[in-house]
Amino acid sequence: MGDYGYDWTVNSKNPAESISYSDITSDVSLGNISITWDKKSQNPYISYKKDGVDHIAWFLDGTTFYNQVKATKKRMEK
């Protein structure tokens, strides 16, 4: 199961930075960031500002892993 995510600087041409799931949960536990669920992709993400710059980080968690396994199984049954 993946234990990582990618953090993009919004409106930047720079590549995303890799982040760990523990980094994300640490940031969330500090209070100003909450996890959002994207229904279409079935993935969680966080949005936040760092030094006045907008960031968005998509990551994997247990629910994401379950959804990926379920989707793969469904495709294999076709």
Protein backbone atom coordinates (compact mmCIF):
# COMPACT_ATOMS: atom_id res chain seq x y z
CA MET A 1 0.00 0.00 0.00
CA GLY A 2 1.29 3.45 -0.87
CA ASP A 3 2.31 5.65 2.02
CA TYR A 4 3.08 8.84 0.14
CA GLY A 5 1.69 11.83 -1.66
CA TYR A 6 2.66 14.64 -3.99
CA ASP A 7 2.59 18.31 -3.08
CA TRP A 8 2.16 20.80 -5.92
CA THR A 9 2.61 24.54 -5.77
CA VAL A 10 -0.57 25.87 -7.41
CA ASN A 11 0.03 27.62 -10.78
CA SER A 12 3.68 26.60 -10.85
CA LYS A 13 5.52 24.78 -13.61
CA ASN A 14 7.76 23.07 -11.06
CA PRO A 15 7.27 19.35 -10.45
CA ALA A 16 5.50 18.18 -7.33
CA GLU A 17 7.47 17.27 -4.24
CA SER A 18 7.09 13.84 -2.67
CA ILE A 19 5.69 13.82 0.85
CA SER A 20 4.99 11.04 3.30
CA TYR A 21 1.61 10.17 4.77
CA SER A 22 3.01 10.96 8.23
CA ASP A 23 3.96 14.46 7.03
CA ILE A 24 0.39 15.00 5.88
CA THR A 25 -1.17 13.74 9.11
CA SER A 26 1.24 15.90 11.12
CA ASP A 27 0.21 18.98 9.14
CA VAL A 28 -3.48 18.14 9.55
CA SER A 29 -3.10 17.61 13.30
CA LEU A 30 -1.68 21.14 13.65
CA GLY A 31 -5.15 22.41 12.90
CA ASN A 32 -5.48 24.76 9.93
CA ILE A 33 -5.60 22.04 7.28
CA SER A 34 -8.38 19.53 6.73
CA ILE A 35 -8.54 16.53 4.44
CA THR A 36 -10.93 16.82 1.50
CA TRP A 37 -12.33 13.83 -0.40
CA ASP A 38 -12.57 14.04 -4.20
CA LYS A 39 -15.56 11.92 -5.21
CA LYS A 40 -14.59 11.63 -8.87
CA SER A 41 -11.05 10.32 -8.34
CA GLN A 42 -11.83 8.63 -5.00
CA ASN A 43 -8.71 10.22 -3.51
CA PRO A 44 -8.04 12.49 -0.55
CA TYR A 45 -6.14 15.77 -0.76
CA ILE A 46 -5.28 18.82 1.30
CA SER A 47 -5.09 22.47 0.25
CA TYR A 48 -3.05 24.96 2.22
CA LYS A 49 -0.89 28.08 2.05
CA LYS A 50 2.82 28.08 2.83
CA ASP A 51 4.60 31.43 2.94
CA GLY A 52 1.58 32.98 1.16
CA VAL A 53 1.71 30.45 -1.70
CA ASP A 54 -1.16 28.02 -2.42
CA HIS A 55 -0.38 24.30 -2.35
CA ILE A 56 -2.40 21.16 -3.02
CA ALA A 57 -1.25 17.70 -1.99
CA TRP A 58 -2.85 14.47 -3.16
CA PHE A 59 -2.03 11.31 -1.25
CA LEU A 60 -2.89 7.67 -0.67
CA ASP A 61 -4.50 6.23 2.44
CA GLY A 62 -6.26 3.00 3.45
CA THR A 63 -9.52 3.99 1.76
CA THR A 64 -7.71 4.88 -1.45
CA PHE A 65 -5.94 1.53 -1.42
CA TYR A 66 -9.26 -0.29 -0.94
CA ASN A 67 -10.84 1.65 -3.83
CA GLN A 68 -7.91 0.88 -6.12
CA VAL A 69 -8.08 -2.85 -5.35
CA LYS A 70 -11.86 -2.82 -5.86
CA ALA A 71 -11.56 -1.00 -9.21
CA THR A 72 -8.81 -3.35 -10.41
CA LYS A 73 -10.84 -6.39 -9.47
CA LYS A 74 -13.87 -4.99 -11.31
CA ARG A 75 -11.80 -4.40 -14.47
CA MET A 76 -10.37 -7.92 -14.31
CA GLU A 77 -13.87 -9.42 -14.12
CA LYS A 78 -14.86 -7.86 -17.46
